[in-house]
Amino acid sequence: MEGRVSEVVIQPYDALPRYEALLEVSASHRAAPAEGRRPSRASSPEADVPEWDARELPLPAGSLVRLVWHGQRVVPGVGAGTRLRCSGMLTGSGPDAVIYNPRYEIVSRNRQY
């Protein structure tokens, strides 16, 4: 997903290290499953994955997603107003949507997508 960081939460010094950013989503998509990948046994964890439509968006534009980096007090380059493209396992939906330890890329403000 891609969007702008609207706020960051900095933990007190005596708390466990954790950096949080609230991302306002401007675009999102689901990762496509690998071609030809099929579970070899019916009891494998992959067999329990539900089918989904690749055109379905996980979150509409304007949604808020909380990005949480555990074990870090600061994430270089990530602050209020920063445009990010990030990926990771989305947990929850609506106001409870969170991605823990996301992979991210800082997007230039001059670049249009």
C-alpha atoms as a PDB file:
ATOM      1  CA  MET A   1       0.000   0.000   0.000  1.00  0.00           C
ATOM      2  CA  GLU A   2       1.023   3.580  -0.435  1.00  0.00           C
ATOM      3  CA  GLY A   3       0.144   6.700   1.480  1.00  0.00           C
ATOM      4  CA  ARG A   4       1.216   9.580   3.692  1.00  0.00           C
ATOM      5  CA  VAL A   5       2.191   9.341   7.353  1.00  0.00           C
ATOM      6  CA  SER A   6      -0.263  11.529   9.236  1.00  0.00           C
ATOM      7  CA  GLU A   7       1.171  11.058  12.733  1.00  0.00           C
ATOM      8  CA  VAL A   8       3.880   9.234  14.666  1.00  0.00           C
ATOM      9  CA  VAL A   9       3.792   7.944  18.230  1.00  0.00           C
ATOM     10  CA  ILE A  10       7.018   8.040  20.220  1.00  0.00           C
ATOM     11  CA  GLN A  11       7.134   5.858  23.311  1.00  0.00           C
ATOM     12  CA  PRO A  12       8.466   7.158  26.651  1.00  0.00           C
ATOM     13  CA  TYR A  13      12.110   6.402  27.354  1.00  0.00           C
ATOM     14  CA  ASP A  14      11.327   3.837  30.072  1.00  0.00           C
ATOM     15  CA  ALA A  15       8.861   1.887  27.830  1.00  0.00           C
ATOM     16  CA  LEU A  16       9.783  -0.966  25.516  1.00  0.00           C
ATOM     17  CA  PRO A  17      11.199   0.266  22.200  1.00  0.00           C
ATOM     18  CA  ARG A  18       8.373   0.605  19.686  1.00  0.00           C
ATOM     19  CA  TYR A  19       7.846   3.111  16.872  1.00  0.00           C
ATOM     20  CA  GLU A  20       4.366   3.702  15.470  1.00  0.00           C
ATOM     21  CA  ALA A  21       3.194   5.648  12.445  1.00  0.00           C
ATOM     22  CA  LEU A  22      -0.355   6.195  11.222  1.00  0.00           C
ATOM     23  CA  LEU A  23      -0.539   5.851   7.425  1.00  0.00           C
ATOM     24  CA  GLU A  24      -3.356   7.451   5.424  1.00  0.00           C
ATOM     25  CA  VAL A  25      -3.774   5.076   2.470  1.00  0.00           C
ATOM     26  CA  SER A  26      -3.899   6.531  -1.038  1.00  0.00           C
ATOM     27  CA  ALA A  27      -3.542   3.239  -2.970  1.00  0.00           C
ATOM     28  CA  SER A  28      -3.414  -0.441  -2.053  1.00  0.00           C
ATOM     29  CA  HIS A  29      -3.441  -3.897  -3.608  1.00  0.00           C
ATOM     30  CA  ARG A  30      -3.072  -7.503  -2.575  1.00  0.00           C
ATOM     31  CA  ALA A  31       0.003  -9.483  -3.481  1.00  0.00           C
ATOM     32  CA  ALA A  32      -0.737 -12.085  -6.135  1.00  0.00           C
ATOM     33  CA  PRO A  33      -0.122 -15.727  -5.166  1.00  0.00           C
ATOM     34  CA  ALA A  34       2.841 -17.440  -6.828  1.00  0.00           C
ATOM     35  CA  GLU A  35       1.941 -19.094 -10.129  1.00  0.00           C
ATOM     36  CA  GLY A  36       1.707 -22.859 -10.051  1.00  0.00           C
ATOM     37  CA  ARG A  37       2.062 -23.056  -6.280  1.00  0.00           C
ATOM     38  CA  ARG A  38      -0.240 -25.721  -4.906  1.00  0.00           C
ATOM     39  CA  PRO A  39      -0.130 -27.438  -1.529  1.00  0.00           C
ATOM     40  CA  SER A  40       1.257 -30.947  -1.742  1.00  0.00           C
ATOM     41  CA  ARG A  41      -0.913 -32.322   1.081  1.00  0.00           C
ATOM     42  CA  ALA A  42      -4.450 -31.493   2.139  1.00  0.00           C
ATOM     43  CA  SER A  43      -3.330 -31.036   5.742  1.00  0.00           C
ATOM     44  CA  SER A  44      -0.712 -28.351   4.976  1.00  0.00           C
ATOM     45  CA  PRO A  45      -1.291 -24.830   6.350  1.00  0.00           C
ATOM     46  CA  GLU A  46      -1.499 -23.525   2.769  1.00  0.00           C
ATOM     47  CA  ALA A  47      -4.600 -25.664   2.198  1.00  0.00           C
ATOM     48  CA  ASP A  48      -6.455 -23.568   4.798  1.00  0.00           C
ATOM     49  CA  VAL A  49      -5.886 -20.282   2.940  1.00  0.00           C
ATOM     50  CA  PRO A  50      -9.205 -18.969   1.596  1.00  0.00           C
ATOM     51  CA  GLU A  51      -9.625 -18.101  -2.070  1.00  0.00           C
ATOM     52  CA  TRP A  52      -9.741 -14.400  -2.898  1.00  0.00           C
ATOM     53  CA  ASP A  53     -10.309 -12.236  -5.915  1.00  0.00           C
ATOM     54  CA  ALA A  54      -7.034 -10.591  -7.032  1.00  0.00           C
ATOM     55  CA  ARG A  55      -8.964  -7.455  -8.081  1.00  0.00           C
ATOM     56  CA  GLU A  56     -10.307  -6.924  -4.561  1.00  0.00           C
ATOM     57  CA  LEU A  57      -8.581  -4.127  -2.650  1.00  0.00           C
ATOM     58  CA  PRO A  58      -7.690  -4.708   0.989  1.00  0.00           C
ATOM     59  CA  LEU A  59      -8.357  -1.096   2.019  1.00  0.00           C
ATOM     60  CA  PRO A  60     -10.003   1.810   0.189  1.00  0.00           C
ATOM     61  CA  ALA A  61      -8.255   5.163  -0.264  1.00  0.00           C
ATOM     62  CA  GLY A  62      -8.537   7.323   2.836  1.00  0.00           C
ATOM     63  CA  SER A  63      -8.321   4.390   5.268  1.00  0.00           C
ATOM     64  CA  LEU A  64      -5.903   4.558   8.175  1.00  0.00           C
ATOM     65  CA  VAL A  65      -3.370   1.815   8.916  1.00  0.00           C
ATOM     66  CA  ARG A  66      -1.099   1.754  11.955  1.00  0.00           C
ATOM     67  CA  LEU A  67       2.489   0.722  11.140  1.00  0.00           C
ATOM     68  CA  VAL A  68       4.370  -0.668  14.155  1.00  0.00           C
ATOM     69  CA  TRP A  69       8.093  -1.386  14.339  1.00  0.00           C
ATOM     70  CA  HIS A  70       8.941  -3.388  17.456  1.00  0.00           C
ATOM     71  CA  GLY A  71      12.417  -2.987  18.936  1.00  0.00           C
ATOM     72  CA  GLN A  72      13.069   0.439  17.413  1.00  0.00           C
ATOM     73  CA  ARG A  73      12.750   3.853  18.974  1.00  0.00           C
ATOM     74  CA  VAL A  74      13.336   5.627  15.644  1.00  0.00           C
ATOM     75  CA  VAL A  75      12.798   4.556  12.019  1.00  0.00           C
ATOM     76  CA  PRO A  76      15.075   6.653   9.778  1.00  0.00           C
ATOM     77  CA  GLY A  77      13.177   8.828   7.306  1.00  0.00           C
ATOM     78  CA  VAL A  78       9.714   7.979   8.642  1.00  0.00           C
ATOM     79  CA  GLY A  79       7.984  10.990  10.145  1.00  0.00           C
ATOM     80  CA  ALA A  80       4.780  12.973   9.808  1.00  0.00           C
ATOM     81  CA  GLY A  81       4.237  13.992   6.174  1.00  0.00           C
ATOM     82  CA  THR A  82       6.490  11.285   4.704  1.00  0.00           C
ATOM     83  CA  ARG A  83       5.076   9.373   1.712  1.00  0.00           C
ATOM     84  CA  LEU A  84       5.635   5.625   2.064  1.00  0.00           C
ATOM     85  CA  ARG A  85       5.079   2.508   0.026  1.00  0.00           C
ATOM     86  CA  CYS A  86       4.949  -0.430   2.428  1.00  0.00           C
ATOM     87  CA  SER A  87       4.064  -4.089   2.558  1.00  0.00           C
ATOM     88  CA  GLY A  88       3.463  -6.704   5.196  1.00  0.00           C
ATOM     89  CA  MET A  89       0.798  -8.825   6.811  1.00  0.00           C
ATOM     90  CA  LEU A  90      -2.293  -6.684   7.371  1.00  0.00           C
ATOM     91  CA  THR A  91      -4.052  -7.606  10.604  1.00  0.00           C
ATOM     92  CA  GLY A  92      -7.566  -6.448  11.341  1.00  0.00           C
ATOM     93  CA  SER A  93      -9.687  -4.112   9.276  1.00  0.00           C
ATOM     94  CA  GLY A  94     -11.218  -0.682   9.598  1.00  0.00           C
ATOM     95  CA  PRO A  95      -9.850   1.376  12.495  1.00  0.00           C
ATOM     96  CA  ASP A  96      -7.975  -1.660  13.870  1.00  0.00           C
ATOM     97  CA  ALA A  97      -5.820  -2.293  10.757  1.00  0.00           C
ATOM     98  CA  VAL A  98      -2.154  -2.791  11.707  1.00  0.00           C
ATOM     99  CA  ILE A  99       1.015  -3.936   9.941  1.00  0.00           C
ATOM    100  CA  TYR A 100       3.783  -5.053  12.291  1.00  0.00           C
ATOM    101  CA  ASN A 101       7.418  -4.543  11.187  1.00  0.00           C
ATOM    102  CA  PRO A 102       6.482  -3.561   7.610  1.00  0.00           C
ATOM    103  CA  ARG A 103       8.889  -3.419   4.717  1.00  0.00           C
ATOM    104  CA  TYR A 104       8.857   0.152   3.475  1.00  0.00           C
ATOM    105  CA  GLU A 105      10.176   2.474   0.813  1.00  0.00           C
ATOM    106  CA  ILE A 106      10.178   6.261   1.067  1.00  0.00           C
ATOM    107  CA  VAL A 107       8.516   7.758  -2.010  1.00  0.00           C
ATOM    108  CA  SER A 108       9.718  11.066  -3.426  1.00  0.00           C
ATOM    109  CA  ARG A 109       7.167  13.872  -3.363  1.00  0.00           C
ATOM    110  CA  ASN A 110       8.095  14.796  -6.934  1.00  0.00           C
ATOM    111  CA  ARG A 111       7.217  11.351  -8.284  1.00  0.00           C
ATOM    112  CA  GLN A 112       3.678  10.601  -9.444  1.00  0.00           C
ATOM    113  CA  TYR A 113       2.214   7.066  -9.386  1.00  0.00           C
END
